[in-house]
């Protein structure tokens, strides 16, 4: 179950590439989800996932702080404890990231990543920190610089950027590919719009876009059309439900609450 939260977040990275004016969210939005995992044939709620936006004022202007966290419930901690943080500081107009942090602690597996994006040089400064194989010696750091293309973002800024796009213009069956910088590698994800469906959720009955996702050259997700996400077919385009299948099992993500919505 390593990179558990990464798998969940991939489901939130689905949309169709049309206009990019942000009509979907603003500062102060809070989304909370329950994550369940198939244990001995029974789906069991194991963790809570939160997505939050806030304002950060700097000398050069205003940034939007995008924060995503995941934590297993206390009753599950003794089995496999998860405390994950993903956050990005972006231009609120176009979702361009300037600073990205990722800190995961999953069953004792610890990793920290930081990206600093420089749009003048088209370089990202990366820091990767992990525990040493010999825990007594502490951590090891690896620093690097990598050229990035104009359409590459970090995981969190991609989630929010894609919510700004105009899915309603896409026909059923439309598909596309996007790129995420993750672990200093560009990861290609493709998706397909399968249908529009109305489902019952904790925030009411919602008409949704049903989409499937696939990651090229990766073993994170398994099966064809086995990994699905439902986004509300309105201006907010919030993820309300997802199903995922990975090498060690399958699970679901369900919305619990949504406050501070723009629309």
C-alpha atoms as a PDB file:
ATOM      1  CA  UNK A   1       0.000   0.000   0.000  1.00  0.00           C
ATOM      2  CA  UNK A   2       2.955   2.323  -0.489  1.00  0.00           C
ATOM      3  CA  UNK A   3       2.032   5.601  -2.281  1.00  0.00           C
ATOM      4  CA  UNK A   4      -1.584   5.009  -1.211  1.00  0.00           C
ATOM      5  CA  UNK A   5      -2.455   8.706  -1.388  1.00  0.00           C
ATOM      6  CA  UNK A   6      -0.732   9.087  -4.770  1.00  0.00           C
ATOM      7  CA  UNK A   7      -3.056   6.422  -6.138  1.00  0.00           C
ATOM      8  CA  UNK A   8      -6.082   8.270  -4.736  1.00  0.00           C
ATOM      9  CA  UNK A   9      -4.938  11.592  -6.112  1.00  0.00           C
ATOM     10  CA  UNK A  10      -4.515  10.178  -9.581  1.00  0.00           C
ATOM     11  CA  UNK A  11      -8.274   9.728  -9.676  1.00  0.00           C
ATOM     12  CA  UNK A  12      -8.692  13.432  -9.134  1.00  0.00           C
ATOM     13  CA  UNK A  13      -6.565  14.228 -12.195  1.00  0.00           C
ATOM     14  CA  UNK A  14      -9.217  13.650 -14.860  1.00  0.00           C
ATOM     15  CA  UNK A  15     -10.756  16.190 -17.225  1.00  0.00           C
ATOM     16  CA  UNK A  16     -11.038  17.285 -20.872  1.00  0.00           C
ATOM     17  CA  UNK A  17      -8.711  19.830 -22.532  1.00  0.00           C
ATOM     18  CA  UNK A  18     -10.729  22.866 -23.531  1.00  0.00           C
ATOM     19  CA  UNK A  19     -10.879  26.392 -22.048  1.00  0.00           C
ATOM     20  CA  UNK A  20      -8.890  27.128 -18.893  1.00  0.00           C
ATOM     21  CA  UNK A  21     -10.704  30.022 -17.201  1.00  0.00           C
ATOM     22  CA  UNK A  22     -11.128  29.140 -13.542  1.00  0.00           C
ATOM     23  CA  UNK A  23     -14.836  29.138 -12.799  1.00  0.00           C
ATOM     24  CA  UNK A  24     -14.654  26.061 -10.567  1.00  0.00           C
ATOM     25  CA  UNK A  25     -13.152  27.074  -7.206  1.00  0.00           C
ATOM     26  CA  UNK A  26     -11.767  29.906  -5.103  1.00  0.00           C
ATOM     27  CA  UNK A  27      -9.984  30.477  -1.787  1.00  0.00           C
ATOM     28  CA  UNK A  28     -11.530  28.692   1.184  1.00  0.00           C
ATOM     29  CA  UNK A  29     -12.860  25.553  -0.517  1.00  0.00           C
ATOM     30  CA  UNK A  30     -12.769  22.407   1.644  1.00  0.00           C
ATOM     31  CA  UNK A  31     -13.480  18.901   0.345  1.00  0.00           C
ATOM     32  CA  UNK A  32     -13.412  15.838   2.624  1.00  0.00           C
ATOM     33  CA  UNK A  33     -13.472  12.199   1.466  1.00  0.00           C
ATOM     34  CA  UNK A  34     -13.491   8.741   3.000  1.00  0.00           C
ATOM     35  CA  UNK A  35     -11.165   6.178   1.448  1.00  0.00           C
ATOM     36  CA  UNK A  36     -12.038   2.491   1.641  1.00  0.00           C
ATOM     37  CA  UNK A  37      -9.970  -0.588   0.847  1.00  0.00           C
ATOM     38  CA  UNK A  38     -11.004  -4.172   0.156  1.00  0.00           C
ATOM     39  CA  UNK A  39      -9.969  -6.249   3.146  1.00  0.00           C
ATOM     40  CA  UNK A  40     -10.872  -9.947   3.017  1.00  0.00           C
ATOM     41  CA  UNK A  41     -13.597  -9.230   0.470  1.00  0.00           C
ATOM     42  CA  UNK A  42     -15.187  -6.372   2.451  1.00  0.00           C
ATOM     43  CA  UNK A  43     -14.753  -2.678   1.633  1.00  0.00           C
ATOM     44  CA  UNK A  44     -13.574  -1.035   4.849  1.00  0.00           C
ATOM     45  CA  UNK A  45     -13.171   2.701   5.494  1.00  0.00           C
ATOM     46  CA  UNK A  46      -9.484   3.140   6.302  1.00  0.00           C
ATOM     47  CA  UNK A  47      -8.588   6.805   5.811  1.00  0.00           C
ATOM     48  CA  UNK A  48      -9.802  10.377   5.473  1.00  0.00           C
ATOM     49  CA  UNK A  49      -8.644  12.564   2.587  1.00  0.00           C
ATOM     50  CA  UNK A  50      -8.922  16.366   2.580  1.00  0.00           C
ATOM     51  CA  UNK A  51      -8.424  18.969  -0.163  1.00  0.00           C
ATOM     52  CA  UNK A  52      -8.227  22.644   0.828  1.00  0.00           C
ATOM     53  CA  UNK A  53      -7.522  25.987  -0.847  1.00  0.00           C
ATOM     54  CA  UNK A  54      -6.318  29.160   0.888  1.00  0.00           C
ATOM     55  CA  UNK A  55      -4.758  32.542   0.101  1.00  0.00           C
ATOM     56  CA  UNK A  56      -1.088  33.356   0.597  1.00  0.00           C
ATOM     57  CA  UNK A  57       0.124  36.949   0.191  1.00  0.00           C
ATOM     58  CA  UNK A  58       3.742  37.460  -0.906  1.00  0.00           C
ATOM     59  CA  UNK A  59       5.847  40.500  -1.784  1.00  0.00           C
ATOM     60  CA  UNK A  60       5.281  39.855  -5.478  1.00  0.00           C
ATOM     61  CA  UNK A  61       1.553  39.081  -5.309  1.00  0.00           C
ATOM     62  CA  UNK A  62      -1.059  36.585  -4.182  1.00  0.00           C
ATOM     63  CA  UNK A  63      -0.639  32.830  -4.470  1.00  0.00           C
ATOM     64  CA  UNK A  64      -3.169  30.068  -3.933  1.00  0.00           C
ATOM     65  CA  UNK A  65      -2.140  27.386  -1.482  1.00  0.00           C
ATOM     66  CA  UNK A  66      -3.468  23.974  -2.512  1.00  0.00           C
ATOM     67  CA  UNK A  67      -3.248  21.426   0.287  1.00  0.00           C
ATOM     68  CA  UNK A  68      -4.136  17.727   0.173  1.00  0.00           C
ATOM     69  CA  UNK A  69      -3.772  15.385   3.135  1.00  0.00           C
ATOM     70  CA  UNK A  70      -4.539  11.751   3.911  1.00  0.00           C
ATOM     71  CA  UNK A  71      -4.557  10.026   7.292  1.00  0.00           C
ATOM     72  CA  UNK A  72      -5.697   6.577   8.315  1.00  0.00           C
ATOM     73  CA  UNK A  73      -8.299   6.380  11.067  1.00  0.00           C
ATOM     74  CA  UNK A  74      -6.868   5.538  14.501  1.00  0.00           C
ATOM     75  CA  UNK A  75      -8.506   2.104  14.399  1.00  0.00           C
ATOM     76  CA  UNK A  76      -6.456   1.317  11.272  1.00  0.00           C
ATOM     77  CA  UNK A  77      -3.130   2.877  12.338  1.00  0.00           C
ATOM     78  CA  UNK A  78      -1.857  -0.290  13.999  1.00  0.00           C
ATOM     79  CA  UNK A  79      -2.285  -2.175  10.713  1.00  0.00           C
ATOM     80  CA  UNK A  80      -0.863   0.353   8.254  1.00  0.00           C
ATOM     81  CA  UNK A  81      -0.455   3.953   9.418  1.00  0.00           C
ATOM     82  CA  UNK A  82      -0.636   6.697   6.765  1.00  0.00           C
ATOM     83  CA  UNK A  83       0.150  10.386   7.231  1.00  0.00           C
ATOM     84  CA  UNK A  84       0.552  12.058   3.828  1.00  0.00           C
ATOM     85  CA  UNK A  85       0.824  15.696   2.779  1.00  0.00           C
ATOM     86  CA  UNK A  86       0.816  17.098  -0.756  1.00  0.00           C
ATOM     87  CA  UNK A  87       0.774  20.862  -1.305  1.00  0.00           C
ATOM     88  CA  UNK A  88       1.396  23.349  -4.097  1.00  0.00           C
ATOM     89  CA  UNK A  89       1.655  27.145  -4.245  1.00  0.00           C
ATOM     90  CA  UNK A  90       0.292  28.386  -7.561  1.00  0.00           C
ATOM     91  CA  UNK A  91      -0.718  31.415  -9.594  1.00  0.00           C
ATOM     92  CA  UNK A  92      -4.507  31.535  -8.912  1.00  0.00           C
ATOM     93  CA  UNK A  93      -5.248  32.639 -12.492  1.00  0.00           C
ATOM     94  CA  UNK A  94      -3.585  29.850 -14.478  1.00  0.00           C
ATOM     95  CA  UNK A  95      -2.615  27.270 -11.794  1.00  0.00           C
ATOM     96  CA  UNK A  96       1.090  27.492 -12.671  1.00  0.00           C
ATOM     97  CA  UNK A  97       3.001  26.004  -9.710  1.00  0.00           C
ATOM     98  CA  UNK A  98       5.927  27.824  -8.101  1.00  0.00           C
ATOM     99  CA  UNK A  99       6.587  25.567  -5.117  1.00  0.00           C
ATOM    100  CA  UNK A 100       5.520  21.985  -4.434  1.00  0.00           C
ATOM    101  CA  UNK A 101       5.952  19.827  -1.330  1.00  0.00           C
ATOM    102  CA  UNK A 102       5.202  16.156  -0.852  1.00  0.00           C
ATOM    103  CA  UNK A 103       5.778  14.367   2.449  1.00  0.00           C
ATOM    104  CA  UNK A 104       4.564  10.799   2.858  1.00  0.00           C
ATOM    105  CA  UNK A 105       4.779   8.396   5.778  1.00  0.00           C
ATOM    106  CA  UNK A 106       3.082   5.100   4.930  1.00  0.00           C
ATOM    107  CA  UNK A 107       3.729   2.097   7.133  1.00  0.00           C
ATOM    108  CA  UNK A 108       7.170   3.462   8.042  1.00  0.00           C
ATOM    109  CA  UNK A 109       8.027   4.259   4.407  1.00  0.00           C
ATOM    110  CA  UNK A 110       9.052   7.954   4.455  1.00  0.00           C
ATOM    111  CA  UNK A 111       9.738  10.256   1.527  1.00  0.00           C
ATOM    112  CA  UNK A 112       9.930  14.034   1.107  1.00  0.00           C
ATOM    113  CA  UNK A 113       9.973  15.873  -2.227  1.00  0.00           C
ATOM    114  CA  UNK A 114      10.273  19.582  -3.021  1.00  0.00           C
ATOM    115  CA  UNK A 115      10.060  21.265  -6.450  1.00  0.00           C
ATOM    116  CA  UNK A 116      10.854  24.923  -7.186  1.00  0.00           C
ATOM    117  CA  UNK A 117       9.685  25.962 -10.654  1.00  0.00           C
ATOM    118  CA  UNK A 118      11.585  28.688 -12.555  1.00  0.00           C
ATOM    119  CA  UNK A 119       9.650  29.824 -15.621  1.00  0.00           C
ATOM    120  CA  UNK A 120      12.464  32.027 -16.954  1.00  0.00           C
ATOM    121  CA  UNK A 121      14.966  29.188 -17.207  1.00  0.00           C
ATOM    122  CA  UNK A 122      12.343  26.422 -17.670  1.00  0.00           C
ATOM    123  CA  UNK A 123      14.102  24.487 -14.901  1.00  0.00           C
ATOM    124  CA  UNK A 124      12.728  22.865 -11.780  1.00  0.00           C
ATOM    125  CA  UNK A 125      14.998  22.489  -8.759  1.00  0.00           C
ATOM    126  CA  UNK A 126      14.181  19.195  -7.059  1.00  0.00           C
ATOM    127  CA  UNK A 127      15.005  17.815  -3.634  1.00  0.00           C
ATOM    128  CA  UNK A 128      14.299  14.182  -2.781  1.00  0.00           C
ATOM    129  CA  UNK A 129      14.754  13.017   0.820  1.00  0.00           C
ATOM    130  CA  UNK A 130      14.313   9.443   2.042  1.00  0.00           C
ATOM    131  CA  UNK A 131      15.224   7.365   5.056  1.00  0.00           C
ATOM    132  CA  UNK A 132      18.512   5.587   4.830  1.00  0.00           C
ATOM    133  CA  UNK A 133      18.380   1.791   4.607  1.00  0.00           C
ATOM    134  CA  UNK A 134      20.233   2.028   7.906  1.00  0.00           C
ATOM    135  CA  UNK A 135      17.816   4.137   9.958  1.00  0.00           C
ATOM    136  CA  UNK A 136      20.523   4.980  12.497  1.00  0.00           C
ATOM    137  CA  UNK A 137      22.312   7.041   9.858  1.00  0.00           C
ATOM    138  CA  UNK A 138      19.232   9.228   9.319  1.00  0.00           C
ATOM    139  CA  UNK A 139      18.221  10.465   5.855  1.00  0.00           C
ATOM    140  CA  UNK A 140      19.852  10.905   2.489  1.00  0.00           C
ATOM    141  CA  UNK A 141      19.173  13.845   0.161  1.00  0.00           C
ATOM    142  CA  UNK A 142      19.357  14.003  -3.608  1.00  0.00           C
ATOM    143  CA  UNK A 143      19.251  17.351  -5.393  1.00  0.00           C
ATOM    144  CA  UNK A 144      18.806  17.841  -9.120  1.00  0.00           C
ATOM    145  CA  UNK A 145      17.688  20.248 -11.832  1.00  0.00           C
ATOM    146  CA  UNK A 146      15.352  19.198 -14.601  1.00  0.00           C
ATOM    147  CA  UNK A 147      13.962  20.963 -17.673  1.00  0.00           C
ATOM    148  CA  UNK A 148      10.177  20.973 -17.767  1.00  0.00           C
ATOM    149  CA  UNK A 149       7.766  21.644 -20.621  1.00  0.00           C
ATOM    150  CA  UNK A 150       5.045  24.277 -20.545  1.00  0.00           C
ATOM    151  CA  UNK A 151       2.227  21.760 -19.977  1.00  0.00           C
ATOM    152  CA  UNK A 152       3.900  19.820 -17.130  1.00  0.00           C
ATOM    153  CA  UNK A 153       2.735  20.448 -13.570  1.00  0.00           C
ATOM    154  CA  UNK A 154       3.028  18.812 -10.187  1.00  0.00           C
ATOM    155  CA  UNK A 155       0.323  16.408  -9.030  1.00  0.00           C
ATOM    156  CA  UNK A 156      -1.688  18.838  -6.882  1.00  0.00           C
ATOM    157  CA  UNK A 157      -1.706  21.817  -9.270  1.00  0.00           C
ATOM    158  CA  UNK A 158      -2.774  19.428 -12.042  1.00  0.00           C
ATOM    159  CA  UNK A 159      -5.790  18.326 -10.002  1.00  0.00           C
ATOM    160  CA  UNK A 160      -7.041  21.870  -9.630  1.00  0.00           C
ATOM    161  CA  UNK A 161      -6.033  23.010 -13.115  1.00  0.00           C
ATOM    162  CA  UNK A 162      -8.050  20.239 -14.705  1.00  0.00           C
ATOM    163  CA  UNK A 163     -11.147  21.268 -12.758  1.00  0.00           C
ATOM    164  CA  UNK A 164     -11.007  24.598 -14.605  1.00  0.00           C
ATOM    165  CA  UNK A 165     -11.424  22.951 -18.010  1.00  0.00           C
ATOM    166  CA  UNK A 166     -14.708  22.799 -19.896  1.00  0.00           C
ATOM    167  CA  UNK A 167     -15.763  19.153 -19.882  1.00  0.00           C
ATOM    168  CA  UNK A 168     -19.260  19.859 -21.167  1.00  0.00           C
ATOM    169  CA  UNK A 169     -17.834  20.509 -24.642  1.00  0.00           C
ATOM    170  CA  UNK A 170     -16.391  16.989 -24.846  1.00  0.00           C
ATOM    171  CA  UNK A 171     -18.373  14.231 -26.604  1.00  0.00           C
ATOM    172  CA  UNK A 172     -18.819  10.813 -24.995  1.00  0.00           C
ATOM    173  CA  UNK A 173     -15.813   8.698 -25.915  1.00  0.00           C
ATOM    174  CA  UNK A 174     -13.378  11.624 -26.003  1.00  0.00           C
ATOM    175  CA  UNK A 175      -9.923  10.866 -24.648  1.00  0.00           C
ATOM    176  CA  UNK A 176      -6.700  12.757 -23.991  1.00  0.00           C
ATOM    177  CA  UNK A 177      -3.348  12.606 -22.192  1.00  0.00           C
ATOM    178  CA  UNK A 178      -1.690  14.880 -19.622  1.00  0.00           C
ATOM    179  CA  UNK A 179       1.691  14.986 -17.888  1.00  0.00           C
ATOM    180  CA  UNK A 180       2.611  15.059 -14.184  1.00  0.00           C
ATOM    181  CA  UNK A 181       6.084  15.577 -12.721  1.00  0.00           C
ATOM    182  CA  UNK A 182       6.348  12.900 -10.029  1.00  0.00           C
ATOM    183  CA  UNK A 183       9.476  11.506  -8.368  1.00  0.00           C
ATOM    184  CA  UNK A 184      11.482  13.634 -10.837  1.00  0.00           C
ATOM    185  CA  UNK A 185       9.905  11.805 -13.771  1.00  0.00           C
ATOM    186  CA  UNK A 186       7.237  12.911 -16.222  1.00  0.00           C
ATOM    187  CA  UNK A 187       4.306  10.526 -15.911  1.00  0.00           C
ATOM    188  CA  UNK A 188       1.794  10.248 -18.768  1.00  0.00           C
ATOM    189  CA  UNK A 189      -1.863   9.690 -17.859  1.00  0.00           C
ATOM    190  CA  UNK A 190      -4.623   9.096 -20.392  1.00  0.00           C
ATOM    191  CA  UNK A 191      -8.355   9.266 -19.776  1.00  0.00           C
ATOM    192  CA  UNK A 192     -11.654   8.652 -21.499  1.00  0.00           C
ATOM    193  CA  UNK A 193     -15.082  10.182 -20.956  1.00  0.00           C
ATOM    194  CA  UNK A 194     -17.402   7.176 -20.666  1.00  0.00           C
ATOM    195  CA  UNK A 195     -20.811   8.650 -19.849  1.00  0.00           C
ATOM    196  CA  UNK A 196     -22.917  11.084 -17.841  1.00  0.00           C
ATOM    197  CA  UNK A 197     -24.589   9.475 -14.827  1.00  0.00           C
ATOM    198  CA  UNK A 198     -26.641  10.648 -11.864  1.00  0.00           C
ATOM    199  CA  UNK A 199     -25.530   9.163  -8.535  1.00  0.00           C
ATOM    200  CA  UNK A 200     -26.417   9.598  -4.860  1.00  0.00           C
ATOM    201  CA  UNK A 201     -23.662  11.105  -2.698  1.00  0.00           C
ATOM    202  CA  UNK A 202     -23.253  12.535   0.802  1.00  0.00           C
ATOM    203  CA  UNK A 203     -23.658  16.008  -0.732  1.00  0.00           C
ATOM    204  CA  UNK A 204     -26.865  15.090  -2.602  1.00  0.00           C
ATOM    205  CA  UNK A 205     -27.922  13.508  -5.873  1.00  0.00           C
ATOM    206  CA  UNK A 206     -25.512  14.695  -8.538  1.00  0.00           C
ATOM    207  CA  UNK A 207     -25.336  14.443 -12.312  1.00  0.00           C
ATOM    208  CA  UNK A 208     -21.724  13.498 -13.032  1.00  0.00           C
ATOM    209  CA  UNK A 209     -19.165  12.911 -15.730  1.00  0.00           C
ATOM    210  CA  UNK A 210     -17.946   9.310 -15.528  1.00  0.00           C
ATOM    211  CA  UNK A 211     -14.340   8.934 -16.645  1.00  0.00           C
ATOM    212  CA  UNK A 212     -11.744   6.160 -16.879  1.00  0.00           C
ATOM    213  CA  UNK A 213      -7.997   6.605 -16.320  1.00  0.00           C
ATOM    214  CA  UNK A 214      -4.880   4.753 -17.438  1.00  0.00           C
ATOM    215  CA  UNK A 215      -1.213   5.391 -16.636  1.00  0.00           C
ATOM    216  CA  UNK A 216       1.284   4.454 -19.333  1.00  0.00           C
ATOM    217  CA  UNK A 217       4.348   2.389 -18.371  1.00  0.00           C
ATOM    218  CA  UNK A 218       3.191   2.047 -14.771  1.00  0.00           C
ATOM    219  CA  UNK A 219       2.004  -0.697 -12.454  1.00  0.00           C
ATOM    220  CA  UNK A 220       0.119   1.700 -10.162  1.00  0.00           C
ATOM    221  CA  UNK A 221      -3.316   1.085 -11.672  1.00  0.00           C
ATOM    222  CA  UNK A 222      -4.575  -2.226 -13.037  1.00  0.00           C
ATOM    223  CA  UNK A 223      -7.250  -3.284 -15.525  1.00  0.00           C
ATOM    224  CA  UNK A 224      -9.029  -1.698 -18.473  1.00  0.00           C
ATOM    225  CA  UNK A 225     -11.831   0.694 -17.425  1.00  0.00           C
ATOM    226  CA  UNK A 226     -11.380  -0.580 -13.852  1.00  0.00           C
ATOM    227  CA  UNK A 227     -10.283   2.810 -12.515  1.00  0.00           C
ATOM    228  CA  UNK A 228     -13.134   5.293 -12.616  1.00  0.00           C
ATOM    229  CA  UNK A 229     -14.014   8.729 -11.273  1.00  0.00           C
ATOM    230  CA  UNK A 230     -17.253  10.710 -11.164  1.00  0.00           C
ATOM    231  CA  UNK A 231     -17.004  14.543 -11.354  1.00  0.00           C
ATOM    232  CA  UNK A 232     -20.077  16.717 -10.831  1.00  0.00           C
ATOM    233  CA  UNK A 233     -21.429  17.978 -14.165  1.00  0.00           C
ATOM    234  CA  UNK A 234     -21.670  21.575 -12.957  1.00  0.00           C
ATOM    235  CA  UNK A 235     -19.388  24.593 -12.693  1.00  0.00           C
ATOM    236  CA  UNK A 236     -17.685  23.212  -9.555  1.00  0.00           C
ATOM    237  CA  UNK A 237     -16.664  19.882 -11.104  1.00  0.00           C
ATOM    238  CA  UNK A 238     -15.825  18.346  -7.744  1.00  0.00           C
ATOM    239  CA  UNK A 239     -14.853  14.658  -7.511  1.00  0.00           C
ATOM    240  CA  UNK A 240     -17.560  12.844  -5.561  1.00  0.00           C
ATOM    241  CA  UNK A 241     -16.830   9.154  -6.131  1.00  0.00           C
ATOM    242  CA  UNK A 242     -14.024   6.950  -7.464  1.00  0.00           C
ATOM    243  CA  UNK A 243     -13.165   3.281  -7.837  1.00  0.00           C
ATOM    244  CA  UNK A 244      -9.590   2.067  -8.147  1.00  0.00           C
ATOM    245  CA  UNK A 245      -7.821  -1.226  -8.750  1.00  0.00           C
ATOM    246  CA  UNK A 246      -4.149  -1.647  -7.854  1.00  0.00           C
ATOM    247  CA  UNK A 247      -1.725  -4.567  -7.702  1.00  0.00           C
ATOM    248  CA  UNK A 248      -2.616  -5.428  -4.098  1.00  0.00           C
ATOM    249  CA  UNK A 249      -6.394  -4.925  -4.226  1.00  0.00           C
ATOM    250  CA  UNK A 250      -9.129  -2.419  -4.911  1.00  0.00           C
ATOM    251  CA  UNK A 251     -10.945   0.388  -3.151  1.00  0.00           C
ATOM    252  CA  UNK A 252     -13.209   3.423  -3.343  1.00  0.00           C
ATOM    253  CA  UNK A 253     -13.142   7.133  -2.588  1.00  0.00           C
ATOM    254  CA  UNK A 254     -16.393   8.864  -1.506  1.00  0.00           C
ATOM    255  CA  UNK A 255     -17.024  12.499  -0.730  1.00  0.00           C
ATOM    256  CA  UNK A 256     -18.171  13.265   2.838  1.00  0.00           C
ATOM    257  CA  UNK A 257     -18.544  17.048   2.762  1.00  0.00           C
ATOM    258  CA  UNK A 258     -17.938  20.065   0.526  1.00  0.00           C
ATOM    259  CA  UNK A 259     -17.861  23.653   1.823  1.00  0.00           C
ATOM    260  CA  UNK A 260     -16.684  26.998   0.467  1.00  0.00           C
ATOM    261  CA  UNK A 261     -17.731  26.114  -3.101  1.00  0.00           C
ATOM    262  CA  UNK A 262     -17.497  28.907  -5.646  1.00  0.00           C
ATOM    263  CA  UNK A 263     -20.802  28.054  -7.363  1.00  0.00           C
END
